[in-house]
Each structure stands twice: as C-alpha cells, then as structure tokens.
Amino acid sequence: MRKINYGRLVTEQVNPRTRQIDRVTVEQALLLMAREDAGVPAAVLREKKNIARAVKLIVTELKRGGRLFFAGAGTSGRLGVIEAAECPPTFNTPPSLVQAVMAGGKNAVFHSKEGAEDDARNARKIFQERLRLHDVVVGVAASGVTPFVLGALQTARAKRLKTILVTCNKNLPVRNPADCVIAPVVGPEVISGSTRLKAGTATKLVLNMLTVLSMVQLGKVYENWMVDLQPKSKKLQARALRLLEHLGGVPQKSSGKIFLESGKNVKTAILMARAGLDAPSARQKLAASAGFLARALRS
C-alpha cells in the first residue's frame, strides 16, 4: 500500500456549509447539522447494489457454517460491537455467530485508544487465530484506510474467506481491499474529520441492513415480526406473548400456558397454536423447514 495522503480523503475535508457553526445560534447550528444529516440515507441508497451483494455473500457463508466478524477501530469499531451485541436478543443467534473485534480490545469500546487503529500486525494475529472456513469479515472504517481493518481483511483474504469493507471514501488508495466494498459518500463532516457524525450514521444504516436482511434470509423473521427474539426481560416476554396472541390467534388467557409448553420459543408456540401441534412436533416441523415459520405453516 502506498503512502496515504490523509488530507485528500473525503472524510477529512472541510465542509464549507458549516464554517459558521461556532458563530450562529444553537437553533441555527441545529439546522446546519440536520441539513447535513438529511443527505445520509440517499448516500446509503446509492450503494444498494453493493449492500445486496454483501447480504447474499454473508447468507451463503453462514448457511455453510461460517460466522460473521466486524473489525473496526474508534467509532467504526464501536458500531460493529453494537451490531454484534444486538443479534442474540433480536434473532436468537448464538453469541459466536456474529462477533466484533475492536482495535485496542474491549477497553477501547469505552475509552478511546486511538493508536490501536494503526496496529495492523495485531489485527493479523487476532484474525489468524480466530478465523475458520466460511467465516466472513466485514471491515468497518470511515476512512477506508485504517491499518487495523486492512490487516483483518488481508488476513481473511489470505485464508480465501469472503470480505466486505464498509467505508465512506469512494476513491481508496488501497487496491481491491475486499471482495465487496460498500461506500456511501456523505461528504465532509459538520466538524471536519469527526466521522462519528454523518459517516457514523451512514455506517450504522449499512450495518443494520447487513445484519437484519441476512437474518431475514435465514428465517429469523416472519413477515416483519421478530419471531426469534430471546424473551429474557419482562418487556420481551410481554412482546413474545403479544406475538403469540396476534400471529397464533391465541386468546390472552391461554397464551402463557402455550408459551411455557413451547419452551418459551415464539416460533414453536405460534406453530403449536396454528397447526394444533404439541411442542416436539412443532419443533420437528420447524427444523424440517430450516427454521422458516412461513414454510412450516404452509407445509
């Protein structure tokens, strides 16, 4: 990789539209930020083909027994951590299925450790030890040139694993950094170089799409209902019962009993109610339908 001129990266440029942010009222400054943020969804939408390609790539490898890794530093790394942490409660995935590796380790999630992003050697060591057949590595780097992220991607590619880069710079000085590059260009930040702003918002939207749409394709969602949630809190238990009542046609007075009989599994409980099955039969039917509730209800 040739020497990087950071000053030429889009994410490091000065935004001419917000030069007066330190000299206007709070209300005017708020409008400046809001107007800049308004363009973020459109930038993400322009990357729809690459996002769709990445989702298909992830789904293919997860179906083959692979896992999904997010690698990042700073804000980008923290967004990967959030994404990985949300998958088990939302989609009932094992914690090992979607993982995040943060430059600087767990402490860097809460306390800035800026120099860690330059340690490509550490990334190569971590991913050399962790990766196995069919894993997918998503590098998350607003600049697109973070050494830690590039080290992770290079290690995965050396193992002939699939790689994705999420960045907010289109013209990267790195040649072919990943199999699929998703680059919503949101332009210079409100505060120059502060990529936790527009770039961070765009990155979060992209990561939402990667995880949610992958899980939809894996049967973790029925219609637009979160039927694979883990009901481990009072709020989620109440949501699970509402799902059973709504999708299973179960009266409120009976939902608790069926839910307990199902082993507190929403999809199993719905199938029990709709098909008149006991819990073992419902589980067997779901397994035969690869976990897709819609398929199980049709069969």
Foldseek 3Di string as FASTA:
>chain_A
DDDDPLCPFQQQDDDPQQPCLVPDDPVVNVVSQVVLLVCLVVLQVVLVVLLVVLLVLLLVLVVVVAAEEEEEEDLQQLLLQVLLVPCCQQQVDPSRRYYYDYQVPPVCNPPPDPVSQQCLVVLLVVLLVPDDPSYEYEYEDQRQDRSVSLSNQVNCVVVVYAYEYEYQGDDDPDPCSGPGYRHRHSGYDSPRNPCCRSVVVSSSVSSCSNVVVSSVVQQCQDPNHSQNGDQPDPVSLVVLLVLLCVLQVDDSVCSVVLCVQLVNRSLLSSCCSNVVDGNVVSVVLCVVVSNHSVVSSVD
